[in-house]
Protein backbone atom coordinates (compact mmCIF):
# COMPACT_ATOMS: atom_id res chain seq x y z
CA MET A 1 -85.56 14.86 2.99
CA GLU A 2 -86.91 11.32 2.54
CA THR A 3 -90.75 10.94 3.17
CA GLU A 4 -93.26 8.31 2.52
CA THR A 5 -93.76 9.64 -0.81
CA GLY A 6 -90.23 9.15 -2.04
CA CYS A 7 -87.08 11.43 -2.09
CA GLN A 8 -87.91 15.13 -1.99
CA CYS A 9 -84.12 16.27 -2.35
CA SER A 10 -84.42 17.44 -5.96
CA VAL A 11 -87.30 19.70 -4.67
CA GLY A 12 -85.07 20.99 -1.92
CA ALA A 13 -82.33 21.65 -4.67
CA LEU A 14 -84.64 23.28 -7.08
CA LYS A 15 -86.17 25.59 -4.37
CA ILE A 16 -82.71 26.98 -3.20
CA MET A 17 -81.61 27.32 -6.83
CA ASN A 18 -84.69 29.39 -7.45
CA GLU A 19 -83.87 31.41 -4.46
CA LEU A 20 -80.31 32.05 -5.70
CA ARG A 21 -81.58 33.04 -9.04
CA ASN A 22 -84.06 35.59 -7.51
CA VAL A 23 -82.02 36.92 -4.68
CA HIS A 24 -81.40 40.66 -4.73
CA THR A 25 -78.05 41.94 -5.80
CA VAL A 26 -77.66 43.54 -2.52
CA VAL A 27 -77.69 40.89 0.29
CA GLU A 28 -77.03 40.83 4.04
CA VAL A 29 -74.59 38.77 6.03
CA GLU A 30 -77.31 36.85 7.57
CA THR A 31 -78.81 36.10 4.21
CA ILE A 32 -75.62 34.67 2.79
CA LEU A 33 -74.83 32.49 5.85
CA GLY A 34 -78.23 31.07 5.89
CA LEU A 35 -78.17 30.16 2.30
CA VAL A 36 -74.98 28.28 2.76
CA GLU A 37 -76.02 26.50 5.78
CA ARG A 38 -79.02 25.31 3.80
CA ILE A 39 -76.96 24.45 1.01
CA HIS A 40 -74.68 22.44 3.42
CA ALA A 41 -77.44 20.70 5.00
CA LEU A 42 -79.20 19.71 1.91
CA GLY A 43 -75.92 18.19 0.60
CA HIS A 44 -75.71 16.07 3.63
CA THR A 45 -79.13 14.76 3.44
CA MET A 46 -78.60 14.01 -0.41
CA LEU A 47 -75.32 11.98 0.46
CA LYS A 48 -77.34 9.96 2.91
CA CYS A 49 -80.52 9.50 0.91
CA LYS A 50 -80.79 6.02 -0.39
CA GLU A 51 -82.56 7.18 -3.76
CA CYS A 52 -79.86 9.90 -4.52
CA ARG A 53 -77.10 7.39 -3.79
CA ALA A 54 -78.60 4.79 -5.96
CA SER A 55 -78.74 7.45 -8.83
CA PRO A 56 -76.01 9.99 -7.91
CA GLY A 57 -76.18 11.51 -11.40
CA SER A 58 -79.51 13.20 -10.59
CA SER A 59 -80.03 15.57 -7.69
CA LEU A 60 -76.53 15.33 -6.51
CA MET A 61 -75.43 17.07 -9.74
CA THR A 62 -76.80 20.32 -8.58
CA LEU A 63 -74.35 20.51 -5.65
CA PRO A 64 -71.47 21.79 -7.61
CA ALA A 65 -73.66 24.40 -9.09
CA LEU A 66 -74.89 25.55 -5.56
CA ALA A 67 -71.46 25.71 -4.37
CA GLU A 68 -70.28 27.85 -7.26
CA GLN A 69 -73.17 30.36 -6.14
CA CYS A 70 -71.72 30.09 -2.70
CA LEU A 71 -68.27 31.27 -4.02
CA SER A 72 -69.86 34.66 -5.41
CA LEU A 73 -71.46 35.10 -2.06
CA PHE A 74 -68.20 34.59 -0.17
CA GLU A 75 -66.65 36.97 -2.62
CA ALA A 76 -69.08 39.68 -1.82
CA LEU A 77 -68.40 39.09 2.16
CA CYS A 78 -64.75 39.62 1.46
CA LEU A 79 -65.40 42.96 -0.32
CA ALA A 80 -67.82 44.23 2.17
CA TYR A 81 -65.38 43.59 5.10
CA ASN A 82 -62.12 44.30 3.32
CA ILE A 83 -60.85 40.66 3.74
CA THR A 84 -57.96 40.71 1.30
CA ARG A 85 -57.56 37.80 -1.07
CA LYS A 86 -53.96 37.27 -2.24
CA ASN A 87 -53.94 37.06 -6.11
CA SER A 88 -51.61 34.18 -5.99
CA PHE A 89 -53.32 32.31 -8.87
CA PHE A 90 -53.64 33.70 -12.41
CA GLU A 91 -54.44 30.54 -14.43
CA PRO A 92 -56.61 31.64 -17.37
CA PRO A 93 -59.50 29.13 -16.32
CA ILE A 94 -59.62 30.35 -12.95
CA LEU A 95 -59.79 33.99 -13.96
CA ALA A 96 -62.53 33.32 -16.43
CA PHE A 97 -64.38 31.34 -13.72
CA GLU A 98 -64.34 34.37 -11.40
CA GLN A 99 -65.51 36.70 -14.17
CA SER A 100 -68.43 34.47 -14.86
CA LEU A 101 -69.85 34.65 -11.20
CA HIS A 102 -72.85 36.51 -10.70
CA GLN A 103 -71.92 39.74 -8.76
CA PHE A 104 -73.61 40.22 -5.22
CA LEU A 105 -72.95 43.26 -2.99
CA CYS A 106 -73.10 42.54 0.64
CA ILE A 107 -74.29 45.13 3.20
CA ARG A 108 -71.69 45.72 6.15
CA SER A 109 -73.41 45.73 9.36
CA LYS A 110 -72.16 45.84 13.05
CA MET A 111 -72.01 42.31 14.84
CA GLN A 112 -72.30 41.25 18.35
CA LEU A 113 -70.75 38.48 20.29
CA GLY A 114 -73.17 37.97 23.49
CA GLN A 115 -73.92 41.22 24.57
CA MET A 116 -70.64 42.93 23.35
CA GLU A 117 -70.89 44.97 20.06
CA LEU A 118 -67.70 44.52 18.13
CA ASP A 119 -65.59 47.07 16.60
CA ASP A 120 -64.63 47.18 12.79
CA ASP A 121 -61.50 45.12 13.30
CA GLU A 122 -63.17 42.57 15.45
CA THR A 123 -66.18 42.50 13.08
CA THR A 124 -63.68 41.72 10.07
CA VAL A 125 -62.15 38.88 12.23
CA LEU A 126 -65.46 37.28 12.99
CA VAL A 127 -66.48 37.22 9.38
CA ARG A 128 -63.30 35.43 8.45
CA VAL A 129 -64.01 32.98 11.15
CA LEU A 130 -67.35 32.50 9.79
CA LEU A 131 -66.18 32.65 5.98
CA GLY A 132 -63.52 30.05 7.05
CA LYS A 133 -65.72 27.57 8.75
CA ASN A 134 -68.27 27.70 5.74
CA LEU A 135 -65.50 27.14 3.24
CA MET A 136 -64.33 24.18 4.94
CA LYS A 137 -67.75 22.68 5.33
CA LEU A 138 -68.23 23.15 1.80
CA LEU A 139 -65.15 21.52 0.87
CA GLU A 140 -65.74 18.45 3.03
CA LEU A 141 -69.22 18.21 1.20
CA LEU A 142 -67.89 18.11 -2.22
CA LYS A 143 -64.89 15.93 -1.24
CA ALA A 144 -67.47 13.33 0.14
CA LEU A 145 -69.58 13.67 -2.95
CA ARG A 146 -66.17 13.00 -5.13
CA SER A 147 -65.71 9.82 -3.07
CA LEU A 148 -69.21 8.73 -3.77
CA TYR A 149 -68.58 9.17 -7.56
CA LYS A 150 -65.62 7.25 -7.46
CA GLU A 151 -67.15 4.43 -5.41
CA CYS A 152 -69.93 4.01 -7.97
CA GLY A 153 -67.39 4.03 -10.80
CA GLN A 154 -65.35 1.26 -9.33
CA SER A 155 -68.41 -0.77 -8.58
CA HIS A 156 -69.65 -0.36 -12.32
CA ARG A 157 -73.08 0.73 -11.37
CA ALA A 158 -75.46 2.13 -13.85
CA GLY A 159 -75.22 5.67 -14.77
CA VAL A 160 -71.35 5.69 -14.73
CA SER A 161 -71.17 7.65 -17.94
CA GLY A 162 -73.32 10.39 -16.30
CA LEU A 163 -71.18 10.28 -13.36
CA ARG A 164 -67.92 10.94 -15.39
CA ALA A 165 -69.73 13.97 -16.87
CA CYS A 166 -70.12 15.22 -13.04
CA GLU A 167 -66.63 14.56 -11.83
CA ALA A 168 -64.93 17.56 -13.72
CA PRO A 169 -67.39 20.18 -12.23
CA VAL A 170 -66.82 18.56 -8.95
CA GLU A 171 -63.06 18.73 -9.11
CA SER A 172 -63.30 22.14 -10.52
CA ILE A 173 -65.27 23.52 -7.52
CA ILE A 174 -63.22 21.75 -5.03
CA HIS A 175 -60.00 23.34 -6.46
CA ARG A 176 -61.55 26.72 -6.55
CA LEU A 177 -62.61 26.39 -2.74
CA ALA A 178 -59.09 25.30 -1.92
CA VAL A 179 -57.89 28.52 -3.82
CA PHE A 180 -60.20 30.62 -2.12
CA MET A 181 -59.06 29.46 1.35
CA GLU A 182 -55.46 29.96 0.56
CA GLN A 183 -56.09 33.52 -0.97
CA ILE A 184 -57.70 34.52 2.57
CA ASP A 185 -55.17 32.67 4.49
CA VAL A 186 -57.64 30.04 5.85
CA GLU A 187 -55.85 26.87 7.35
CA SER A 188 -57.79 23.77 7.68
CA GLY A 189 -58.82 23.33 11.38
CA LYS A 190 -57.79 26.86 12.45
CA PHE A 191 -61.23 27.71 13.26
CA GLU A 192 -62.52 24.72 14.70
CA ALA A 193 -61.92 25.88 18.26
CA ILE A 194 -65.02 28.18 17.85
CA PRO A 195 -68.04 25.98 17.22
CA ALA A 196 -71.01 28.15 15.64
CA CYS A 197 -73.17 27.33 18.50
CA ASP A 198 -70.66 28.80 21.10
CA LEU A 199 -69.91 32.21 19.52
CA ARG A 200 -71.69 33.83 22.35
CA THR A 201 -69.34 32.54 25.12
CA ASP A 202 -66.68 34.59 26.80
CA GLU A 203 -63.96 31.77 25.60
CA SER A 204 -65.10 32.18 22.05
CA ILE A 205 -64.86 35.97 22.18
CA LYS A 206 -61.46 35.63 23.64
CA ARG A 207 -60.48 33.13 20.75
CA VAL A 208 -61.93 35.49 17.96
CA LYS A 209 -59.64 38.39 19.50
CA GLU A 210 -56.65 36.11 19.58
CA LEU A 211 -57.34 35.25 15.84
CA GLY A 212 -57.36 39.09 15.13
């Protein structure tokens, strides 16, 4: 998002934050996936932006907050498509975090792969695939942000105290994403055989059914 007039990453982050604040409580699957994709794309742009990297305590600080909102959207997906989450973590901080999330309600809708309309079970499997891929994308993004903070801290660059204040939220969201993945039995790399761009192919349809 760099232009001749300078870095525009903060503008992009503010726009998405405002959309998340104003989004209707009842949302569609496409809306959720679209927002998450935009957050992921913005995060990658920020991590490559020279101005953001020079002052990583500014625009980059919005990424943990955006990822937190994604968790509440993912929760809505799980509820809509009966994706069971194992309650294997009962740490008070985690329970408090979950209770603080803004509640969304996802509309359950029919899905298609190519020309084939999926039944309820196949739709649930597909949603799990998409959920798993998006969880992993956000997790990788935040791990890259954590690495940047550590790199800046080790090089003793300006603003280190501000970076340290950011580390706790980043670590917290990374932990929450990892917990969420474990709760819905998402294993790293499990869904990489199904690229998002190939979801309409016969081979992808076969792979989705195998996962079910």
